C-alpha atoms as a PDB file:
ATOM      1  CA  UNK A   1     116.386 121.081 103.296  1.00  0.00           C
ATOM      2  CA  UNK A   2     116.714 124.816 102.740  1.00  0.00           C
ATOM      3  CA  UNK A   3     118.039 126.040 106.088  1.00  0.00           C
ATOM      4  CA  UNK A   4     118.652 129.713 105.428  1.00  0.00           C
ATOM      5  CA  UNK A   5     119.517 130.745 108.981  1.00  0.00           C
ATOM      6  CA  UNK A   6     118.985 130.034 112.663  1.00  0.00           C
ATOM      7  CA  UNK A   7     117.412 132.306 115.249  1.00  0.00           C
ATOM      8  CA  UNK A   8     116.740 131.614 118.924  1.00  0.00           C
ATOM      9  CA  UNK A   9     113.134 131.076 119.965  1.00  0.00           C
ATOM     10  CA  UNK A  10     113.381 133.964 122.454  1.00  0.00           C
ATOM     11  CA  UNK A  11     114.623 136.401 119.801  1.00  0.00           C
ATOM     12  CA  UNK A  12     111.933 135.284 117.416  1.00  0.00           C
ATOM     13  CA  UNK A  13     109.365 135.943 120.133  1.00  0.00           C
ATOM     14  CA  UNK A  14     110.756 139.460 120.598  1.00  0.00           C
ATOM     15  CA  UNK A  15     110.616 139.998 116.851  1.00  0.00           C
ATOM     16  CA  UNK A  16     106.941 139.037 116.821  1.00  0.00           C
ATOM     17  CA  UNK A  17     106.323 141.608 119.539  1.00  0.00           C
ATOM     18  CA  UNK A  18     107.985 144.306 117.432  1.00  0.00           C
ATOM     19  CA  UNK A  19     106.326 143.474 114.148  1.00  0.00           C
ATOM     20  CA  UNK A  20     102.913 143.181 115.803  1.00  0.00           C
ATOM     21  CA  UNK A  21     102.949 146.990 116.062  1.00  0.00           C
ATOM     22  CA  UNK A  22     102.946 147.161 112.258  1.00  0.00           C
ATOM     23  CA  UNK A  23     100.503 144.395 111.401  1.00  0.00           C
ATOM     24  CA  UNK A  24      98.200 141.822 112.950  1.00  0.00           C
ATOM     25  CA  UNK A  25     100.175 138.712 113.865  1.00  0.00           C
ATOM     26  CA  UNK A  26      98.384 135.409 114.422  1.00  0.00           C
ATOM     27  CA  UNK A  27     100.109 132.490 116.136  1.00  0.00           C
ATOM     28  CA  UNK A  28      99.034 128.927 117.056  1.00  0.00           C
ATOM     29  CA  UNK A  29      98.341 128.920 120.798  1.00  0.00           C
ATOM     30  CA  UNK A  30      97.815 125.976 123.130  1.00  0.00           C
ATOM     31  CA  UNK A  31      94.726 126.696 125.228  1.00  0.00           C
ATOM     32  CA  UNK A  32      95.004 123.471 127.219  1.00  0.00           C
ATOM     33  CA  UNK A  33      92.504 121.565 125.088  1.00  0.00           C
ATOM     34  CA  UNK A  34      93.610 122.163 121.518  1.00  0.00           C
ATOM     35  CA  UNK A  35      95.650 124.526 119.365  1.00  0.00           C
ATOM     36  CA  UNK A  36      94.036 127.551 117.750  1.00  0.00           C
ATOM     37  CA  UNK A  37      95.192 130.690 115.991  1.00  0.00           C
ATOM     38  CA  UNK A  38      95.216 133.706 118.271  1.00  0.00           C
ATOM     39  CA  UNK A  39      96.175 137.347 117.825  1.00  0.00           C
ATOM     40  CA  UNK A  40      99.700 137.703 119.183  1.00  0.00           C
ATOM     41  CA  UNK A  41     100.209 139.430 122.521  1.00  0.00           C
ATOM     42  CA  UNK A  42     103.422 139.808 124.495  1.00  0.00           C
ATOM     43  CA  UNK A  43     102.202 137.408 127.156  1.00  0.00           C
ATOM     44  CA  UNK A  44     101.528 134.576 124.694  1.00  0.00           C
ATOM     45  CA  UNK A  45     103.825 131.934 126.174  1.00  0.00           C
ATOM     46  CA  UNK A  46     102.093 128.810 124.840  1.00  0.00           C
ATOM     47  CA  UNK A  47     102.803 129.282 121.146  1.00  0.00           C
ATOM     48  CA  UNK A  48     102.972 125.810 119.597  1.00  0.00           C
ATOM     49  CA  UNK A  49     105.362 125.424 116.711  1.00  0.00           C
ATOM     50  CA  UNK A  50     105.553 122.312 114.558  1.00  0.00           C
ATOM     51  CA  UNK A  51     102.221 120.912 115.734  1.00  0.00           C
ATOM     52  CA  UNK A  52      99.672 119.537 113.253  1.00  0.00           C
ATOM     53  CA  UNK A  53      96.496 121.340 112.216  1.00  0.00           C
ATOM     54  CA  UNK A  54      95.143 124.084 114.478  1.00  0.00           C
ATOM     55  CA  UNK A  55      91.383 123.664 114.929  1.00  0.00           C
ATOM     56  CA  UNK A  56      90.531 126.358 112.372  1.00  0.00           C
ATOM     57  CA  UNK A  57      91.801 125.972 108.810  1.00  0.00           C
ATOM     58  CA  UNK A  58      93.793 128.693 107.095  1.00  0.00           C
ATOM     59  CA  UNK A  59      90.843 129.470 104.817  1.00  0.00           C
ATOM     60  CA  UNK A  60      89.004 131.360 107.599  1.00  0.00           C
ATOM     61  CA  UNK A  61      91.444 134.235 107.112  1.00  0.00           C
ATOM     62  CA  UNK A  62      90.441 134.553 103.463  1.00  0.00           C
ATOM     63  CA  UNK A  63      86.880 133.259 103.450  1.00  0.00           C
ATOM     64  CA  UNK A  64      85.297 133.960 106.853  1.00  0.00           C
ATOM     65  CA  UNK A  65      82.102 132.154 107.803  1.00  0.00           C
ATOM     66  CA  UNK A  66      80.264 135.447 107.310  1.00  0.00           C
ATOM     67  CA  UNK A  67      81.361 138.795 105.885  1.00  0.00           C
ATOM     68  CA  UNK A  68      79.964 141.849 104.119  1.00  0.00           C
ATOM     69  CA  UNK A  69      81.927 141.822 100.875  1.00  0.00           C
ATOM     70  CA  UNK A  70      81.073 145.470 100.160  1.00  0.00           C
ATOM     71  CA  UNK A  71      82.895 146.837 103.202  1.00  0.00           C
ATOM     72  CA  UNK A  72      85.388 144.055 103.983  1.00  0.00           C
ATOM     73  CA  UNK A  73      88.558 145.223 105.714  1.00  0.00           C
ATOM     74  CA  UNK A  74      91.994 144.221 104.477  1.00  0.00           C
ATOM     75  CA  UNK A  75      94.391 144.765 107.351  1.00  0.00           C
ATOM     76  CA  UNK A  76      97.990 143.717 106.811  1.00  0.00           C
ATOM     77  CA  UNK A  77      98.728 140.543 108.742  1.00  0.00           C
ATOM     78  CA  UNK A  78     101.129 137.673 109.257  1.00  0.00           C
ATOM     79  CA  UNK A  79      99.925 134.159 110.056  1.00  0.00           C
ATOM     80  CA  UNK A  80     102.512 131.992 111.808  1.00  0.00           C
ATOM     81  CA  UNK A  81     102.646 128.207 112.190  1.00  0.00           C
ATOM     82  CA  UNK A  82     100.616 127.081 109.174  1.00  0.00           C
ATOM     83  CA  UNK A  83     100.813 123.333 108.505  1.00  0.00           C
ATOM     84  CA  UNK A  84     101.522 122.011 105.027  1.00  0.00           C
ATOM     85  CA  UNK A  85      98.002 120.637 104.554  1.00  0.00           C
ATOM     86  CA  UNK A  86      96.503 124.128 104.916  1.00  0.00           C
ATOM     87  CA  UNK A  87      99.086 125.735 102.660  1.00  0.00           C
ATOM     88  CA  UNK A  88      98.384 123.076 100.027  1.00  0.00           C
ATOM     89  CA  UNK A  89      94.677 123.884 100.293  1.00  0.00           C
ATOM     90  CA  UNK A  90      95.415 127.358  98.955  1.00  0.00           C
ATOM     91  CA  UNK A  91      96.191 125.785  95.580  1.00  0.00           C
ATOM     92  CA  UNK A  92      92.489 125.115  95.066  1.00  0.00           C
ATOM     93  CA  UNK A  93      91.259 128.346  96.687  1.00  0.00           C
ATOM     94  CA  UNK A  94      93.588 130.402  94.502  1.00  0.00           C
ATOM     95  CA  UNK A  95      92.521 128.524  91.393  1.00  0.00           C
ATOM     96  CA  UNK A  96      88.865 129.283  92.156  1.00  0.00           C
ATOM     97  CA  UNK A  97      89.018 132.812  93.573  1.00  0.00           C
ATOM     98  CA  UNK A  98      91.919 134.199  91.532  1.00  0.00           C
ATOM     99  CA  UNK A  99      90.589 132.991  88.209  1.00  0.00           C
ATOM    100  CA  UNK A 100      91.881 135.302  85.464  1.00  0.00           C
ATOM    101  CA  UNK A 101      88.425 136.001  84.043  1.00  0.00           C
ATOM    102  CA  UNK A 102      86.516 136.267  87.324  1.00  0.00           C
ATOM    103  CA  UNK A 103      88.855 137.094  90.232  1.00  0.00           C
ATOM    104  CA  UNK A 104      87.272 137.707  93.620  1.00  0.00           C
ATOM    105  CA  UNK A 105      88.511 141.179  94.675  1.00  0.00           C
ATOM    106  CA  UNK A 106      88.001 140.587  98.420  1.00  0.00           C
ATOM    107  CA  UNK A 107      89.899 137.309  98.395  1.00  0.00           C
ATOM    108  CA  UNK A 108      92.587 138.785  96.159  1.00  0.00           C
ATOM    109  CA  UNK A 109      93.184 141.744  98.467  1.00  0.00           C
ATOM    110  CA  UNK A 110      93.339 139.518 101.524  1.00  0.00           C
ATOM    111  CA  UNK A 111      95.909 137.285  99.830  1.00  0.00           C
ATOM    112  CA  UNK A 112      98.018 140.298  98.914  1.00  0.00           C
ATOM    113  CA  UNK A 113      97.975 141.603 102.490  1.00  0.00           C
ATOM    114  CA  UNK A 114      98.839 138.310 104.198  1.00  0.00           C
ATOM    115  CA  UNK A 115     102.295 136.929 104.956  1.00  0.00           C
ATOM    116  CA  UNK A 116     102.203 133.155 105.333  1.00  0.00           C
ATOM    117  CA  UNK A 117     104.647 131.460 107.710  1.00  0.00           C
ATOM    118  CA  UNK A 118     104.599 127.692 107.376  1.00  0.00           C
ATOM    119  CA  UNK A 119     105.827 125.092 109.838  1.00  0.00           C
ATOM    120  CA  UNK A 120     107.015 121.493 109.753  1.00  0.00           C
ATOM    121  CA  UNK A 121     104.847 118.988 111.589  1.00  0.00           C
ATOM    122  CA  UNK A 122     106.883 117.118 114.197  1.00  0.00           C
ATOM    123  CA  UNK A 123     103.896 115.124 115.411  1.00  0.00           C
ATOM    124  CA  UNK A 124     100.749 113.583 113.925  1.00  0.00           C
ATOM    125  CA  UNK A 125      97.150 113.044 114.961  1.00  0.00           C
ATOM    126  CA  UNK A 126      95.208 109.810 114.515  1.00  0.00           C
ATOM    127  CA  UNK A 127      93.305 111.451 111.653  1.00  0.00           C
ATOM    128  CA  UNK A 128      96.254 112.971 109.756  1.00  0.00           C
ATOM    129  CA  UNK A 129      96.746 111.441 106.289  1.00  0.00           C
ATOM    130  CA  UNK A 130      98.459 114.111 104.185  1.00  0.00           C
ATOM    131  CA  UNK A 131     101.126 111.856 102.685  1.00  0.00           C
ATOM    132  CA  UNK A 132      98.452 109.509 101.315  1.00  0.00           C
ATOM    133  CA  UNK A 133      97.430 112.415  99.071  1.00  0.00           C
ATOM    134  CA  UNK A 134     101.005 113.365  98.129  1.00  0.00           C
ATOM    135  CA  UNK A 135     101.217 116.252 100.608  1.00  0.00           C
ATOM    136  CA  UNK A 136     104.420 116.294 102.639  1.00  0.00           C
ATOM    137  CA  UNK A 137     104.237 116.919 106.429  1.00  0.00           C
ATOM    138  CA  UNK A 138     106.273 120.082 105.870  1.00  0.00           C
ATOM    139  CA  UNK A 139     105.623 123.118 103.643  1.00  0.00           C
ATOM    140  CA  UNK A 140     106.522 122.835  99.973  1.00  0.00           C
ATOM    141  CA  UNK A 141     104.168 125.446  98.466  1.00  0.00           C
ATOM    142  CA  UNK A 142     102.533 128.820  99.196  1.00  0.00           C
ATOM    143  CA  UNK A 143     104.583 129.827 102.265  1.00  0.00           C
ATOM    144  CA  UNK A 144     106.542 133.092 102.310  1.00  0.00           C
ATOM    145  CA  UNK A 145     108.944 131.543 104.794  1.00  0.00           C
ATOM    146  CA  UNK A 146     108.925 128.523 107.083  1.00  0.00           C
ATOM    147  CA  UNK A 147     109.942 127.613 110.629  1.00  0.00           C
ATOM    148  CA  UNK A 148     111.255 124.366 112.054  1.00  0.00           C
ATOM    149  CA  UNK A 149     112.124 124.179 115.742  1.00  0.00           C
ATOM    150  CA  UNK A 150     115.239 122.131 116.497  1.00  0.00           C
ATOM    151  CA  UNK A 151     117.046 122.046 119.849  1.00  0.00           C
ATOM    152  CA  UNK A 152     115.652 125.373 121.073  1.00  0.00           C
ATOM    153  CA  UNK A 153     116.343 127.260 117.864  1.00  0.00           C
ATOM    154  CA  UNK A 154     114.283 127.950 114.786  1.00  0.00           C
ATOM    155  CA  UNK A 155     115.433 127.159 111.275  1.00  0.00           C
ATOM    156  CA  UNK A 156     114.065 129.921 109.055  1.00  0.00           C
ATOM    157  CA  UNK A 157     113.781 129.101 105.344  1.00  0.00           C
ATOM    158  CA  UNK A 158     112.838 131.935 102.984  1.00  0.00           C
ATOM    159  CA  UNK A 159     110.494 130.988 100.143  1.00  0.00           C
ATOM    160  CA  UNK A 160     109.403 134.280  98.536  1.00  0.00           C
ATOM    161  CA  UNK A 161     110.368 137.910  98.016  1.00  0.00           C
ATOM    162  CA  UNK A 162     107.756 138.937 100.560  1.00  0.00           C
ATOM    163  CA  UNK A 163     109.212 136.479 103.039  1.00  0.00           C
ATOM    164  CA  UNK A 164     112.664 137.852 102.354  1.00  0.00           C
ATOM    165  CA  UNK A 165     111.472 141.369 103.247  1.00  0.00           C
ATOM    166  CA  UNK A 166     110.230 140.201 106.642  1.00  0.00           C
ATOM    167  CA  UNK A 167     113.235 138.056 107.466  1.00  0.00           C
ATOM    168  CA  UNK A 168     115.584 140.894 106.504  1.00  0.00           C
ATOM    169  CA  UNK A 169     113.963 142.900 109.315  1.00  0.00           C
ATOM    170  CA  UNK A 170     114.565 139.996 111.660  1.00  0.00           C
ATOM    171  CA  UNK A 171     118.238 139.802 110.683  1.00  0.00           C
ATOM    172  CA  UNK A 172     118.620 143.538 111.095  1.00  0.00           C
ATOM    173  CA  UNK A 173     117.556 143.567 114.745  1.00  0.00           C
ATOM    174  CA  UNK A 174     118.470 140.127 116.078  1.00  0.00           C
ATOM    175  CA  UNK A 175     121.503 137.821 115.864  1.00  0.00           C
ATOM    176  CA  UNK A 176     121.207 134.934 113.437  1.00  0.00           C
ATOM    177  CA  UNK A 177     123.605 132.205 112.379  1.00  0.00           C
ATOM    178  CA  UNK A 178     124.142 129.623 109.704  1.00  0.00           C
ATOM    179  CA  UNK A 179     122.653 126.217 110.532  1.00  0.00           C
ATOM    180  CA  UNK A 180     125.281 123.530 111.049  1.00  0.00           C
ATOM    181  CA  UNK A 181     125.120 120.101 109.483  1.00  0.00           C
ATOM    182  CA  UNK A 182     124.011 118.574 112.781  1.00  0.00           C
ATOM    183  CA  UNK A 183     120.975 120.875 113.002  1.00  0.00           C
ATOM    184  CA  UNK A 184     119.985 120.300 109.389  1.00  0.00           C
ATOM    185  CA  UNK A 185     120.419 116.549 109.805  1.00  0.00           C
ATOM    186  CA  UNK A 186     118.160 116.605 112.852  1.00  0.00           C
ATOM    187  CA  UNK A 187     115.496 118.552 110.936  1.00  0.00           C
ATOM    188  CA  UNK A 188     115.622 116.107 108.050  1.00  0.00           C
ATOM    189  CA  UNK A 189     115.445 113.164 110.483  1.00  0.00           C
ATOM    190  CA  UNK A 190     112.339 114.658 112.102  1.00  0.00           C
ATOM    191  CA  UNK A 191     110.697 115.011 108.705  1.00  0.00           C
ATOM    192  CA  UNK A 192     111.500 111.427 107.788  1.00  0.00           C
ATOM    193  CA  UNK A 193     110.235 110.100 111.123  1.00  0.00           C
ATOM    194  CA  UNK A 194     106.900 111.897 110.778  1.00  0.00           C
ATOM    195  CA  UNK A 195     106.509 110.735 107.196  1.00  0.00           C
ATOM    196  CA  UNK A 196     107.191 107.128 108.245  1.00  0.00           C
ATOM    197  CA  UNK A 197     104.592 107.355 111.020  1.00  0.00           C
ATOM    198  CA  UNK A 198     101.991 108.734 108.602  1.00  0.00           C
ATOM    199  CA  UNK A 199     102.623 106.050 106.021  1.00  0.00           C
ATOM    200  CA  UNK A 200     102.414 103.315 108.652  1.00  0.00           C
ATOM    201  CA  UNK A 201      99.238 104.748 110.154  1.00  0.00           C
ATOM    202  CA  UNK A 202      97.499 105.054 106.769  1.00  0.00           C
ATOM    203  CA  UNK A 203      98.963 102.047 104.973  1.00  0.00           C
ATOM    204  CA  UNK A 204      95.489 100.700 104.073  1.00  0.00           C
ATOM    205  CA  UNK A 205      94.029 104.021 102.931  1.00  0.00           C
ATOM    206  CA  UNK A 206      93.677 104.500  99.136  1.00  0.00           C
ATOM    207  CA  UNK A 207      95.299 107.512  97.515  1.00  0.00           C
ATOM    208  CA  UNK A 208      93.413 110.517  96.142  1.00  0.00           C
ATOM    209  CA  UNK A 209      92.828 109.148  92.635  1.00  0.00           C
ATOM    210  CA  UNK A 210      91.908 105.677  93.842  1.00  0.00           C
ATOM    211  CA  UNK A 211      89.421 107.202  96.279  1.00  0.00           C
ATOM    212  CA  UNK A 212      87.661 109.070  93.489  1.00  0.00           C
ATOM    213  CA  UNK A 213      87.327 105.858  91.497  1.00  0.00           C
ATOM    214  CA  UNK A 214      85.968 103.970  94.510  1.00  0.00           C
ATOM    215  CA  UNK A 215      83.383 106.649  95.260  1.00  0.00           C
ATOM    216  CA  UNK A 216      82.228 106.783  91.632  1.00  0.00           C
ATOM    217  CA  UNK A 217      81.648 103.024  91.568  1.00  0.00           C
ATOM    218  CA  UNK A 218      80.128 102.723  95.059  1.00  0.00           C
ATOM    219  CA  UNK A 219      76.599 101.591  95.770  1.00  0.00           C
ATOM    220  CA  UNK A 220      74.046 103.096  98.147  1.00  0.00           C
ATOM    221  CA  UNK A 221      74.453 100.714 101.089  1.00  0.00           C
ATOM    222  CA  UNK A 222      77.752 102.014 102.460  1.00  0.00           C
ATOM    223  CA  UNK A 223      76.591 105.642 102.326  1.00  0.00           C
ATOM    224  CA  UNK A 224      73.276 104.908 104.013  1.00  0.00           C
ATOM    225  CA  UNK A 225      75.075 102.992 106.751  1.00  0.00           C
ATOM    226  CA  UNK A 226      77.663 105.652 107.524  1.00  0.00           C
ATOM    227  CA  UNK A 227      75.234 108.561 107.087  1.00  0.00           C
ATOM    228  CA  UNK A 228      72.961 107.116 109.785  1.00  0.00           C
ATOM    229  CA  UNK A 229      74.692 109.175 112.503  1.00  0.00           C
ATOM    230  CA  UNK A 230      75.121 112.351 110.417  1.00  0.00           C
ATOM    231  CA  UNK A 231      73.186 115.301 111.862  1.00  0.00           C
ATOM    232  CA  UNK A 232      73.698 117.583 108.827  1.00  0.00           C
ATOM    233  CA  UNK A 233      75.509 120.159 110.971  1.00  0.00           C
ATOM    234  CA  UNK A 234      78.009 121.112 108.258  1.00  0.00           C
ATOM    235  CA  UNK A 235      80.999 121.019 110.619  1.00  0.00           C
ATOM    236  CA  UNK A 236      82.972 118.939 108.119  1.00  0.00           C
ATOM    237  CA  UNK A 237      82.714 121.697 105.505  1.00  0.00           C
ATOM    238  CA  UNK A 238      83.251 124.551 107.955  1.00  0.00           C
ATOM    239  CA  UNK A 239      86.654 123.257 109.061  1.00  0.00           C
ATOM    240  CA  UNK A 240      87.756 121.874 105.696  1.00  0.00           C
ATOM    241  CA  UNK A 241      90.672 123.800 104.106  1.00  0.00           C
ATOM    242  CA  UNK A 242      89.062 123.654 100.655  1.00  0.00           C
ATOM    243  CA  UNK A 243      85.246 123.631 101.011  1.00  0.00           C
ATOM    244  CA  UNK A 244      84.055 127.092  99.964  1.00  0.00           C
ATOM    245  CA  UNK A 245      80.359 126.982  99.020  1.00  0.00           C
ATOM    246  CA  UNK A 246      78.571 130.158 100.074  1.00  0.00           C
ATOM    247  CA  UNK A 247      75.340 132.137  99.878  1.00  0.00           C
ATOM    248  CA  UNK A 248      75.308 135.792  98.801  1.00  0.00           C
ATOM    249  CA  UNK A 249      72.582 137.565 100.747  1.00  0.00           C
ATOM    250  CA  UNK A 250      71.370 141.119 100.092  1.00  0.00           C
ATOM    251  CA  UNK A 251      70.762 143.238 103.184  1.00  0.00           C
ATOM    252  CA  UNK A 252      69.267 146.731 103.667  1.00  0.00           C
ATOM    253  CA  UNK A 253      71.698 149.588 103.123  1.00  0.00           C
ATOM    254  CA  UNK A 254      73.416 147.877 100.190  1.00  0.00           C
ATOM    255  CA  UNK A 255      74.846 145.135 102.358  1.00  0.00           C
ATOM    256  CA  UNK A 256      75.922 142.012 100.521  1.00  0.00           C
ATOM    257  CA  UNK A 257      76.705 139.187 102.912  1.00  0.00           C
ATOM    258  CA  UNK A 258      78.774 136.214 101.849  1.00  0.00           C
ATOM    259  CA  UNK A 259      77.902 133.383 104.222  1.00  0.00           C
ATOM    260  CA  UNK A 260      79.282 129.871 104.292  1.00  0.00           C
ATOM    261  CA  UNK A 261      76.990 127.168 102.954  1.00  0.00           C
ATOM    262  CA  UNK A 262      77.451 123.416 102.628  1.00  0.00           C
ATOM    263  CA  UNK A 263      75.923 120.539 100.705  1.00  0.00           C
ATOM    264  CA  UNK A 264      75.305 118.796 104.042  1.00  0.00           C
ATOM    265  CA  UNK A 265      72.557 121.267 104.950  1.00  0.00           C
ATOM    266  CA  UNK A 266      68.989 120.181 104.141  1.00  0.00           C
ATOM    267  CA  UNK A 267      67.708 122.341 101.299  1.00  0.00           C
ATOM    268  CA  UNK A 268      71.148 123.036  99.811  1.00  0.00           C
ATOM    269  CA  UNK A 269      69.943 122.107  96.309  1.00  0.00           C
ATOM    270  CA  UNK A 270      66.216 122.759  96.768  1.00  0.00           C
ATOM    271  CA  UNK A 271      64.768 124.684  93.830  1.00  0.00           C
ATOM    272  CA  UNK A 272      61.753 126.967  93.531  1.00  0.00           C
ATOM    273  CA  UNK A 273      59.309 124.182  92.683  1.00  0.00           C
ATOM    274  CA  UNK A 274      60.334 122.309  95.826  1.00  0.00           C
ATOM    275  CA  UNK A 275      62.319 119.568  94.137  1.00  0.00           C
ATOM    276  CA  UNK A 276      65.555 118.662  95.918  1.00  0.00           C
ATOM    277  CA  UNK A 277      68.081 116.221  94.378  1.00  0.00           C
ATOM    278  CA  UNK A 278      69.854 116.031  97.749  1.00  0.00           C
ATOM    279  CA  UNK A 279      66.774 115.578  99.918  1.00  0.00           C
ATOM    280  CA  UNK A 280      67.940 112.220 101.294  1.00  0.00           C
ATOM    281  CA  UNK A 281      70.714 112.492 103.900  1.00  0.00           C
ATOM    282  CA  UNK A 282      72.727 109.612 102.468  1.00  0.00           C
ATOM    283  CA  UNK A 283      72.671 111.252  99.034  1.00  0.00           C
ATOM    284  CA  UNK A 284      73.902 114.547 100.514  1.00  0.00           C
ATOM    285  CA  UNK A 285      76.594 112.648 102.366  1.00  0.00           C
ATOM    286  CA  UNK A 286      77.907 110.947  99.219  1.00  0.00           C
ATOM    287  CA  UNK A 287      77.586 114.179  97.261  1.00  0.00           C
ATOM    288  CA  UNK A 288      80.242 115.885  99.396  1.00  0.00           C
ATOM    289  CA  UNK A 289      82.821 113.236  98.595  1.00  0.00           C
ATOM    290  CA  UNK A 290      81.861 113.136  94.926  1.00  0.00           C
ATOM    291  CA  UNK A 291      82.585 116.867  94.906  1.00  0.00           C
ATOM    292  CA  UNK A 292      85.921 116.557  96.687  1.00  0.00           C
ATOM    293  CA  UNK A 293      87.332 113.532  94.918  1.00  0.00           C
ATOM    294  CA  UNK A 294      85.609 113.426  91.518  1.00  0.00           C
ATOM    295  CA  UNK A 295      83.999 116.648  90.314  1.00  0.00           C
ATOM    296  CA  UNK A 296      86.655 119.056  91.610  1.00  0.00           C
ATOM    297  CA  UNK A 297      89.311 116.878  89.969  1.00  0.00           C
ATOM    298  CA  UNK A 298      87.486 117.155  86.652  1.00  0.00           C
ATOM    299  CA  UNK A 299      87.253 120.940  86.833  1.00  0.00           C
ATOM    300  CA  UNK A 300      90.454 122.066  88.578  1.00  0.00           C
ATOM    301  CA  UNK A 301      94.125 121.122  88.626  1.00  0.00           C
ATOM    302  CA  UNK A 302      94.402 121.259  92.428  1.00  0.00           C
ATOM    303  CA  UNK A 303      93.042 118.484  94.633  1.00  0.00           C
ATOM    304  CA  UNK A 304      90.176 119.175  97.012  1.00  0.00           C
ATOM    305  CA  UNK A 305      91.411 117.173 100.011  1.00  0.00           C
ATOM    306  CA  UNK A 306      94.828 117.613 101.610  1.00  0.00           C
ATOM    307  CA  UNK A 307      94.509 114.960 104.312  1.00  0.00           C
ATOM    308  CA  UNK A 308      94.258 117.253 107.340  1.00  0.00           C
ATOM    309  CA  UNK A 309      91.651 115.023 109.034  1.00  0.00           C
ATOM    310  CA  UNK A 310      89.687 117.900 110.567  1.00  0.00           C
ATOM    311  CA  UNK A 311      86.380 116.659 109.140  1.00  0.00           C
ATOM    312  CA  UNK A 312      86.841 113.442 111.113  1.00  0.00           C
ATOM    313  CA  UNK A 313      87.834 115.247 114.317  1.00  0.00           C
ATOM    314  CA  UNK A 314      84.894 117.667 114.108  1.00  0.00           C
ATOM    315  CA  UNK A 315      82.132 115.223 113.188  1.00  0.00           C
ATOM    316  CA  UNK A 316      79.384 115.139 115.817  1.00  0.00           C
ATOM    317  CA  UNK A 317      78.245 111.808 114.426  1.00  0.00           C
ATOM    318  CA  UNK A 318      81.731 110.274 114.820  1.00  0.00           C
ATOM    319  CA  UNK A 319      81.954 109.504 111.106  1.00  0.00           C
ATOM    320  CA  UNK A 320      85.393 108.810 109.679  1.00  0.00           C
ATOM    321  CA  UNK A 321      85.773 109.163 105.943  1.00  0.00           C
ATOM    322  CA  UNK A 322      89.041 107.236 106.275  1.00  0.00           C
ATOM    323  CA  UNK A 323      87.107 104.227 107.578  1.00  0.00           C
ATOM    324  CA  UNK A 324      84.691 104.519 104.662  1.00  0.00           C
ATOM    325  CA  UNK A 325      87.443 104.632 102.062  1.00  0.00           C
ATOM    326  CA  UNK A 326      89.489 101.903 103.734  1.00  0.00           C
ATOM    327  CA  UNK A 327      86.442  99.654 103.741  1.00  0.00           C
ATOM    328  CA  UNK A 328      85.835 100.387 100.057  1.00  0.00           C
ATOM    329  CA  UNK A 329      89.475  99.727  99.246  1.00  0.00           C
ATOM    330  CA  UNK A 330      89.784  96.573 101.351  1.00  0.00           C
ATOM    331  CA  UNK A 331      86.334  94.936 101.458  1.00  0.00           C
ATOM    332  CA  UNK A 332      86.164  92.018 103.865  1.00  0.00           C
END
C-alpha cells in the first residue's frame, strides 16, 4: 500500500474549510438515512469516509441529468470520498466522451477542473459485488489522491501531479507524519477483510465475461419473469456509474439541452413510422444488460458494470440483477 503520509482527521477537516474558499468541495455526508455528496460547509460533522457507494454516482458531476451544453459552467471543484467502483466507471466515460476524434468539450472541461479524492471501502452493502468484476474495494485508477481512515488518522496516498499540488498545500499548513508499519498493516488488513467479505457474499455470482455469455444465450422466460415488476422508471440507469444515454433537445434562444435518457423508457427506440424494437417491457429489460455486458464489451476496452449495486438498491420493482445472473449461472 502506498502510504505517503498521515494527517489527523481534525486537521484534514480544517484544510477542507480553507480550500473550500478556492473551489467547490463535495464530501460524502451521512443524513441519517443514507450517504450523499454535499457541498462542504464548516458545520459538516457527519462526513463519512471509507463507506461504500454514496446514493449518487460520480458521473452526475460530469453528466448531470439535465444541462444546457451551450452555457455549461465549469467551476473548479474537489470531490472527496469516491469509492473505487465509481472511479473505475470513469474508464468507460472517458473512453466515450474523450474520444480523440470526437471529444465532448463540456465533459472534457469538467474533467480538467475536477480533483478526484478516492477512498477505501471499509464496509460493504448486501448489493456490493465489485470484486466479482475485478474491481478492488479500494482505488486503483483515476484518483488524484486517496484517503484511508485508520485509528483516527487519514493515510493520504498521492496518485497524480494534480493530487500532489493539493497535498503540498496540506503539508504546508498542517503537520503530517510518515505512516508506521502498524498503521500500514492495519490498512492492508482492512482491505483484505473487505475483499474476503465480498468474495464470500458473491461466491455464486458469475464474473463479467461469464455474465455476458449467459445473457447472450438466455431465453425469453427469465426476462419476462423478472421484468414483471419493472415499472420502466429508469432509476437503474440514472444511478448507474456508466449508463450515459441522452437526448439533445433544442430550445428557444439557442438552448441545447442534454437530458438523460434510458433504454428502460417506453419509446426509447421508437422510430418515425411507429415501429419500436423495444416495445415489450421484457425486451427492454434484457436490452439493458445486453448493452452493459455484451455490446459495450465489443465496442470499448472498459467494462460497463463496476459492481456498485446501486441499480439493485434503487429498483422500485425490487429486481436484483445479481439474482438473475446467479440463477442463470447455477440453474436448479
